[in-house]
Amino acid sequence: MKSIKIKRNGTFYNIYGDDCYILYYLLNYKVNRTKVGFPKSSLNKVINTLEKNKINYEVIDEDRKMDFRNLNKYDELLELGKAKYNNDTNYKDLIEKVKTINPEKLDKILSTIVKMIDE
């Protein structure tokens, strides 16, 4: 059964790979190359959020593990997390591109977008 692995590294905890997208989705933590880090003081907040959402987790370097057996929503939240991350990244990229468009062309693009939304 899948679970989020929370690995302690000094005074911080790190979550790697696909697991980081779940924390991005649930807590809006910044993803830095498929890694999310947070301070030790936030561990209870993370654990409470995972338990509330019925996500199995394992804290490496401490003796804490929770198992929700067949109620594990890992895959569901992973897909939601990846979609949110991709949408947010695409949105930021689009904003940067829009900043470089000349005003006349931008007016035409915005007009087209508004027409499409209003349909």
Protein backbone atom coordinates (compact mmCIF):
# COMPACT_ATOMS: atom_id res chain seq x y z
CA MET A 1 0.00 0.00 0.00
CA LYS A 2 1.31 3.43 -0.92
CA SER A 3 2.26 5.87 1.78
CA ILE A 4 4.01 9.21 2.03
CA LYS A 5 7.52 8.89 3.39
CA ILE A 6 8.50 11.85 5.57
CA LYS A 7 12.27 11.83 6.05
CA ARG A 8 13.95 13.82 8.78
CA ASN A 9 17.04 15.80 7.86
CA GLY A 10 18.28 17.73 10.89
CA THR A 11 15.63 20.26 11.89
CA PHE A 12 13.70 19.77 8.64
CA TYR A 13 11.61 17.05 7.08
CA ASN A 14 11.64 16.29 3.37
CA ILE A 15 9.20 14.54 1.10
CA TYR A 16 10.40 13.34 -2.30
CA GLY A 17 9.07 12.23 -5.67
CA ASP A 18 5.36 12.00 -6.32
CA ASP A 19 4.64 12.38 -2.60
CA CYS A 20 5.55 16.07 -2.80
CA TYR A 21 2.62 16.80 -5.15
CA ILE A 22 0.18 15.62 -2.49
CA LEU A 23 1.62 18.13 -0.01
CA TYR A 24 1.56 20.78 -2.71
CA TYR A 25 -2.13 20.05 -3.24
CA LEU A 26 -3.10 19.81 0.43
CA LEU A 27 -0.87 22.47 2.00
CA ASN A 28 0.36 24.52 -0.97
CA TYR A 29 3.99 23.79 -0.02
CA LYS A 30 6.53 24.84 -2.64
CA VAL A 31 7.87 22.04 -4.82
CA ASN A 32 11.58 22.32 -5.48
CA ARG A 33 12.44 19.75 -8.16
CA THR A 34 10.20 16.96 -6.83
CA LYS A 35 11.03 17.72 -3.20
CA VAL A 36 9.08 19.48 -0.47
CA GLY A 37 10.70 20.52 2.78
CA PHE A 38 9.25 21.88 5.98
CA PRO A 39 10.55 22.63 9.49
CA LYS A 40 10.26 20.18 12.34
CA SER A 41 7.73 22.50 13.99
CA SER A 42 5.28 21.83 11.12
CA LEU A 43 5.34 18.02 11.43
CA ASN A 44 2.13 17.80 13.47
CA LYS A 45 0.31 20.04 10.99
CA VAL A 46 1.42 17.80 8.10
CA ILE A 47 0.48 14.60 9.95
CA ASN A 48 -2.91 15.97 10.97
CA THR A 49 -3.60 16.97 7.36
CA LEU A 50 -2.58 13.54 6.07
CA GLU A 51 -4.72 11.76 8.67
CA LYS A 52 -7.69 14.02 7.95
CA ASN A 53 -7.39 13.13 4.26
CA LYS A 54 -6.83 9.43 5.00
CA ILE A 55 -3.33 9.24 3.54
CA ASN A 56 -0.92 6.60 4.81
CA TYR A 57 2.37 8.05 5.96
CA GLU A 58 5.59 7.00 7.57
CA VAL A 59 7.91 9.30 9.46
CA ILE A 60 11.46 8.07 9.01
CA ASP A 61 13.60 8.69 12.10
CA GLU A 62 10.65 8.54 14.47
CA ASP A 63 8.35 5.72 15.45
CA ARG A 64 5.16 7.15 13.92
CA LYS A 65 3.11 5.45 11.27
CA MET A 66 -0.58 5.54 10.47
CA ASP A 67 -2.38 3.05 8.28
CA PHE A 68 -5.88 3.66 6.97
CA ARG A 69 -5.96 0.30 5.16
CA ASN A 70 -8.53 0.41 2.36
CA LEU A 71 -9.38 4.07 2.92
CA ASN A 72 -6.08 5.27 1.50
CA LYS A 73 -6.68 8.12 -0.95
CA TYR A 74 -3.03 8.40 -2.01
CA ASP A 75 -3.60 7.85 -5.75
CA GLU A 76 -6.60 10.20 -5.88
CA LEU A 77 -4.74 13.03 -4.15
CA LEU A 78 -1.60 12.39 -6.18
CA GLU A 79 -3.55 12.99 -9.40
CA LEU A 80 -5.16 16.13 -7.95
CA GLY A 81 -1.77 17.37 -6.76
CA LYS A 82 -0.08 16.82 -10.11
CA ALA A 83 -2.95 18.54 -11.94
CA LYS A 84 -2.85 21.54 -9.59
CA TYR A 85 0.94 21.80 -9.91
CA ASN A 86 0.78 21.62 -13.72
CA ASN A 87 -2.04 24.17 -13.92
CA ASP A 88 -0.27 26.58 -11.57
CA THR A 89 3.01 26.20 -13.47
CA ASN A 90 1.29 26.74 -16.83
CA TYR A 91 -0.51 29.79 -15.42
CA LYS A 92 2.77 31.33 -14.22
CA ASP A 93 4.42 30.64 -17.58
CA LEU A 94 1.48 32.20 -19.42
CA ILE A 95 1.63 35.35 -17.27
CA GLU A 96 5.33 35.74 -18.10
CA LYS A 97 4.62 35.35 -21.83
CA VAL A 98 1.75 37.87 -21.69
CA LYS A 99 4.10 40.45 -20.16
CA THR A 100 6.21 40.37 -23.34
CA ILE A 101 3.37 40.84 -25.86
CA ASN A 102 2.93 44.25 -27.44
CA PRO A 103 -0.26 46.07 -26.33
CA GLU A 104 -2.02 45.93 -29.73
CA LYS A 105 -1.60 42.18 -30.04
CA LEU A 106 -2.56 41.71 -26.38
CA ASP A 107 -5.87 43.56 -26.95
CA LYS A 108 -6.73 41.13 -29.78
CA ILE A 109 -5.82 38.09 -27.67
CA LEU A 110 -7.85 39.29 -24.69
CA SER A 111 -10.83 40.07 -26.92
CA THR A 112 -10.71 36.52 -28.32
CA ILE A 113 -10.47 35.03 -24.84
CA VAL A 114 -13.44 37.04 -23.58
CA LYS A 115 -15.53 35.91 -26.59
CA MET A 116 -14.63 32.26 -25.93
CA ILE A 117 -15.56 32.54 -22.26
CA ASP A 118 -18.86 34.25 -23.03
CA GLU A 119 -19.94 31.53 -25.49
